[in-house]
Amino acid sequence: MRTVIPKKEDVASKWYLIDAQDQVLGRLASQVAYLLRGKHKAEFTPHIDVGDHVVVVNAEKVLLTGNKLTQKQYTQYSGYMGGLRVDDVQEVLKKYPERVIMHAVKGMLPKNSLGRQMLKKLRVYKGTEHPHEAQKPEDLPDTLRRI
């Protein structure tokens, strides 16, 4: 019996819609990363992108537990003197709520070109509207729900 390795062309990907309203950020991000990697599929292979597309709406209504809303910070360093930029999560959540979810999911994906390829299949939107009605995203079934 031979091991069957799925080809990228043979893998059928679905579109899932997740509402982030009143969901904890880390638990939501782990669910999204699980779907993007394709770990819920029988043909999961670590070195091939077999995951699905995920659309997350209501990004501004995501919850952070404990004191993270006041204490958590995002840092960026350009490499130059004085090039350290520190943003509080509360400010980022007001201006760009999509970035908070993208950053959390990115940390849970592989740190290589495959992870960057998987992250392109994630779409995060501020409100309830999204331009992906043509793809007919379906709500996440209870069998795949981990949160």
C-alpha atoms as a PDB file:
ATOM      1  CA  MET A   1       0.000   0.000   0.000  1.00  0.00           C
ATOM      2  CA  ARG A   2       1.410   3.358  -1.013  1.00  0.00           C
ATOM      3  CA  THR A   3       1.028   6.687   0.723  1.00  0.00           C
ATOM      4  CA  VAL A   4      -0.987   9.120  -1.365  1.00  0.00           C
ATOM      5  CA  ILE A   5       0.363  12.664  -1.359  1.00  0.00           C
ATOM      6  CA  PRO A   6      -2.265  15.197  -2.492  1.00  0.00           C
ATOM      7  CA  LYS A   7      -1.358  17.564  -5.300  1.00  0.00           C
ATOM      8  CA  LYS A   8      -2.168  21.239  -4.960  1.00  0.00           C
ATOM      9  CA  GLU A   9      -4.452  21.087  -8.015  1.00  0.00           C
ATOM     10  CA  ASP A  10      -6.461  18.162  -6.615  1.00  0.00           C
ATOM     11  CA  VAL A  11      -7.279  19.773  -3.257  1.00  0.00           C
ATOM     12  CA  ALA A  12     -10.726  21.382  -3.124  1.00  0.00           C
ATOM     13  CA  SER A  13     -10.824  24.358  -0.793  1.00  0.00           C
ATOM     14  CA  LYS A  14     -13.972  25.698   0.823  1.00  0.00           C
ATOM     15  CA  TRP A  15     -14.793  29.164   2.076  1.00  0.00           C
ATOM     16  CA  TYR A  16     -15.772  29.604   5.722  1.00  0.00           C
ATOM     17  CA  LEU A  17     -17.307  32.655   7.392  1.00  0.00           C
ATOM     18  CA  ILE A  18     -16.502  33.307  11.054  1.00  0.00           C
ATOM     19  CA  ASP A  19     -18.103  36.030  13.166  1.00  0.00           C
ATOM     20  CA  ALA A  20     -15.560  37.398  15.666  1.00  0.00           C
ATOM     21  CA  GLN A  21     -18.148  39.169  17.811  1.00  0.00           C
ATOM     22  CA  ASP A  22     -17.668  38.341  21.517  1.00  0.00           C
ATOM     23  CA  GLN A  23     -14.970  35.734  20.817  1.00  0.00           C
ATOM     24  CA  VAL A  24     -11.631  35.655  22.628  1.00  0.00           C
ATOM     25  CA  LEU A  25      -8.763  36.626  20.302  1.00  0.00           C
ATOM     26  CA  GLY A  26      -6.424  33.703  20.966  1.00  0.00           C
ATOM     27  CA  ARG A  27      -9.095  31.033  20.689  1.00  0.00           C
ATOM     28  CA  LEU A  28     -10.434  32.599  17.502  1.00  0.00           C
ATOM     29  CA  ALA A  29      -6.933  32.810  16.022  1.00  0.00           C
ATOM     30  CA  SER A  30      -6.184  29.162  16.783  1.00  0.00           C
ATOM     31  CA  GLN A  31      -9.433  28.107  15.089  1.00  0.00           C
ATOM     32  CA  VAL A  32      -8.623  30.189  12.010  1.00  0.00           C
ATOM     33  CA  ALA A  33      -5.041  28.879  11.832  1.00  0.00           C
ATOM     34  CA  TYR A  34      -6.382  25.312  12.114  1.00  0.00           C
ATOM     35  CA  LEU A  35      -8.629  25.891   9.085  1.00  0.00           C
ATOM     36  CA  LEU A  36      -5.960  27.706   7.057  1.00  0.00           C
ATOM     37  CA  ARG A  37      -3.491  24.848   7.565  1.00  0.00           C
ATOM     38  CA  GLY A  38      -6.062  22.235   6.611  1.00  0.00           C
ATOM     39  CA  LYS A  39      -5.582  20.103   9.718  1.00  0.00           C
ATOM     40  CA  HIS A  40      -9.295  19.255   9.699  1.00  0.00           C
ATOM     41  CA  LYS A  41      -8.949  17.375   6.404  1.00  0.00           C
ATOM     42  CA  ALA A  42      -8.025  13.733   5.960  1.00  0.00           C
ATOM     43  CA  GLU A  43      -5.518  14.633   3.239  1.00  0.00           C
ATOM     44  CA  PHE A  44      -3.553  17.019   5.515  1.00  0.00           C
ATOM     45  CA  THR A  45       0.130  17.111   4.647  1.00  0.00           C
ATOM     46  CA  PRO A  46       2.484  19.427   6.571  1.00  0.00           C
ATOM     47  CA  HIS A  47       4.462  20.571   3.516  1.00  0.00           C
ATOM     48  CA  ILE A  48       1.500  21.240   1.175  1.00  0.00           C
ATOM     49  CA  ASP A  49      -1.135  23.968   1.467  1.00  0.00           C
ATOM     50  CA  VAL A  50      -4.403  22.013   1.687  1.00  0.00           C
ATOM     51  CA  GLY A  51      -6.275  24.540   3.845  1.00  0.00           C
ATOM     52  CA  ASP A  52      -9.456  26.495   3.241  1.00  0.00           C
ATOM     53  CA  HIS A  53     -10.233  30.173   2.783  1.00  0.00           C
ATOM     54  CA  VAL A  54     -11.494  31.991   5.886  1.00  0.00           C
ATOM     55  CA  VAL A  55     -13.456  35.253   6.057  1.00  0.00           C
ATOM     56  CA  VAL A  56     -13.625  36.881   9.504  1.00  0.00           C
ATOM     57  CA  VAL A  57     -16.176  39.654  10.112  1.00  0.00           C
ATOM     58  CA  ASN A  58     -16.780  41.993  13.093  1.00  0.00           C
ATOM     59  CA  ALA A  59     -13.059  42.233  13.869  1.00  0.00           C
ATOM     60  CA  GLU A  60     -13.550  45.286  16.074  1.00  0.00           C
ATOM     61  CA  LYS A  61     -15.755  43.305  18.479  1.00  0.00           C
ATOM     62  CA  VAL A  62     -13.146  40.680  19.392  1.00  0.00           C
ATOM     63  CA  LEU A  63     -12.411  40.244  23.111  1.00  0.00           C
ATOM     64  CA  LEU A  64      -9.116  40.255  24.953  1.00  0.00           C
ATOM     65  CA  THR A  65      -8.996  38.662  28.396  1.00  0.00           C
ATOM     66  CA  GLY A  66      -7.241  39.856  31.527  1.00  0.00           C
ATOM     67  CA  ASN A  67      -5.258  43.091  31.311  1.00  0.00           C
ATOM     68  CA  LYS A  68      -4.195  42.581  27.691  1.00  0.00           C
ATOM     69  CA  LEU A  69      -6.290  45.519  26.501  1.00  0.00           C
ATOM     70  CA  THR A  70      -4.130  47.913  28.522  1.00  0.00           C
ATOM     71  CA  GLN A  71      -0.799  46.059  28.716  1.00  0.00           C
ATOM     72  CA  LYS A  72      -0.283  44.261  25.389  1.00  0.00           C
ATOM     73  CA  GLN A  73       1.951  46.075  22.904  1.00  0.00           C
ATOM     74  CA  TYR A  74       3.064  45.515  19.329  1.00  0.00           C
ATOM     75  CA  THR A  75       6.665  46.460  18.572  1.00  0.00           C
ATOM     76  CA  GLN A  76       8.377  47.107  15.258  1.00  0.00           C
ATOM     77  CA  TYR A  77      12.054  47.848  14.857  1.00  0.00           C
ATOM     78  CA  SER A  78      13.484  49.252  11.647  1.00  0.00           C
ATOM     79  CA  GLY A  79      17.090  48.491  12.588  1.00  0.00           C
ATOM     80  CA  TYR A  80      18.066  52.152  12.776  1.00  0.00           C
ATOM     81  CA  MET A  81      18.692  54.202  15.891  1.00  0.00           C
ATOM     82  CA  GLY A  82      15.408  55.546  17.190  1.00  0.00           C
ATOM     83  CA  GLY A  83      13.557  53.171  14.873  1.00  0.00           C
ATOM     84  CA  LEU A  84      11.602  51.366  17.595  1.00  0.00           C
ATOM     85  CA  ARG A  85       7.865  51.803  17.245  1.00  0.00           C
ATOM     86  CA  VAL A  86       5.551  50.613  20.027  1.00  0.00           C
ATOM     87  CA  ASP A  87       1.763  50.537  19.633  1.00  0.00           C
ATOM     88  CA  ASP A  88      -0.739  49.593  22.326  1.00  0.00           C
ATOM     89  CA  VAL A  89      -3.281  46.975  21.324  1.00  0.00           C
ATOM     90  CA  GLN A  90      -6.107  49.318  22.358  1.00  0.00           C
ATOM     91  CA  GLU A  91      -5.003  51.937  19.800  1.00  0.00           C
ATOM     92  CA  VAL A  92      -4.518  49.354  17.051  1.00  0.00           C
ATOM     93  CA  LEU A  93      -7.941  47.842  17.809  1.00  0.00           C
ATOM     94  CA  LYS A  94      -9.573  51.267  17.335  1.00  0.00           C
ATOM     95  CA  LYS A  95      -7.737  52.231  14.126  1.00  0.00           C
ATOM     96  CA  TYR A  96      -7.073  48.896  12.396  1.00  0.00           C
ATOM     97  CA  PRO A  97      -8.941  46.017  14.098  1.00  0.00           C
ATOM     98  CA  GLU A  98      -8.106  43.708  11.194  1.00  0.00           C
ATOM     99  CA  ARG A  99      -4.402  43.828  12.053  1.00  0.00           C
ATOM    100  CA  VAL A 100      -4.954  42.447  15.559  1.00  0.00           C
ATOM    101  CA  ILE A 101      -6.504  39.234  14.217  1.00  0.00           C
ATOM    102  CA  MET A 102      -4.024  38.970  11.320  1.00  0.00           C
ATOM    103  CA  HIS A 103      -1.093  39.313  13.728  1.00  0.00           C
ATOM    104  CA  ALA A 104      -2.463  36.655  16.090  1.00  0.00           C
ATOM    105  CA  VAL A 105      -3.113  34.174  13.258  1.00  0.00           C
ATOM    106  CA  LYS A 106       0.256  34.857  11.628  1.00  0.00           C
ATOM    107  CA  GLY A 107       2.003  33.835  14.842  1.00  0.00           C
ATOM    108  CA  MET A 108       0.242  30.453  14.741  1.00  0.00           C
ATOM    109  CA  LEU A 109       1.199  29.562  11.165  1.00  0.00           C
ATOM    110  CA  PRO A 110       4.547  28.166   9.926  1.00  0.00           C
ATOM    111  CA  LYS A 111       7.326  30.747   9.686  1.00  0.00           C
ATOM    112  CA  ASN A 112       8.248  30.133   6.046  1.00  0.00           C
ATOM    113  CA  SER A 113       6.929  30.674   2.526  1.00  0.00           C
ATOM    114  CA  LEU A 114       4.176  28.104   3.116  1.00  0.00           C
ATOM    115  CA  GLY A 115       2.899  30.087   6.110  1.00  0.00           C
ATOM    116  CA  ARG A 116       2.859  33.294   4.070  1.00  0.00           C
ATOM    117  CA  GLN A 117       0.942  31.477   1.346  1.00  0.00           C
ATOM    118  CA  MET A 118      -1.624  30.268   3.906  1.00  0.00           C
ATOM    119  CA  LEU A 119      -2.030  33.748   5.381  1.00  0.00           C
ATOM    120  CA  LYS A 120      -3.108  35.066   1.965  1.00  0.00           C
ATOM    121  CA  LYS A 121      -6.258  32.945   2.269  1.00  0.00           C
ATOM    122  CA  LEU A 122      -7.389  34.885   5.342  1.00  0.00           C
ATOM    123  CA  ARG A 123      -9.643  37.909   4.885  1.00  0.00           C
ATOM    124  CA  VAL A 124     -10.551  40.031   7.911  1.00  0.00           C
ATOM    125  CA  TYR A 125     -13.159  42.821   7.865  1.00  0.00           C
ATOM    126  CA  LYS A 126     -14.149  45.482  10.354  1.00  0.00           C
ATOM    127  CA  GLY A 127     -17.932  45.252  10.060  1.00  0.00           C
ATOM    128  CA  THR A 128     -20.408  42.636   8.961  1.00  0.00           C
ATOM    129  CA  GLU A 129     -20.085  43.414   5.233  1.00  0.00           C
ATOM    130  CA  HIS A 130     -17.600  41.562   3.036  1.00  0.00           C
ATOM    131  CA  PRO A 131     -17.126  41.356  -0.759  1.00  0.00           C
ATOM    132  CA  HIS A 132     -16.988  37.544  -0.950  1.00  0.00           C
ATOM    133  CA  GLU A 133     -20.656  36.674  -1.432  1.00  0.00           C
ATOM    134  CA  ALA A 134     -19.862  35.188  -4.864  1.00  0.00           C
ATOM    135  CA  GLN A 135     -17.689  32.518  -3.209  1.00  0.00           C
ATOM    136  CA  LYS A 136     -20.660  31.540  -0.999  1.00  0.00           C
ATOM    137  CA  PRO A 137     -18.805  31.251   2.318  1.00  0.00           C
ATOM    138  CA  GLU A 138     -20.571  28.894   4.698  1.00  0.00           C
ATOM    139  CA  ASP A 139     -20.801  29.193   8.463  1.00  0.00           C
ATOM    140  CA  LEU A 140     -18.447  26.978  10.384  1.00  0.00           C
ATOM    141  CA  PRO A 141     -20.150  23.657  11.211  1.00  0.00           C
ATOM    142  CA  ASP A 142     -20.151  22.448  14.806  1.00  0.00           C
ATOM    143  CA  THR A 143     -17.979  19.469  13.863  1.00  0.00           C
ATOM    144  CA  LEU A 144     -15.103  21.856  13.003  1.00  0.00           C
ATOM    145  CA  ARG A 145     -15.742  24.379  15.775  1.00  0.00           C
ATOM    146  CA  ARG A 146     -12.987  24.190  18.387  1.00  0.00           C
ATOM    147  CA  ILE A 147     -13.979  27.221  20.473  1.00  0.00           C
END
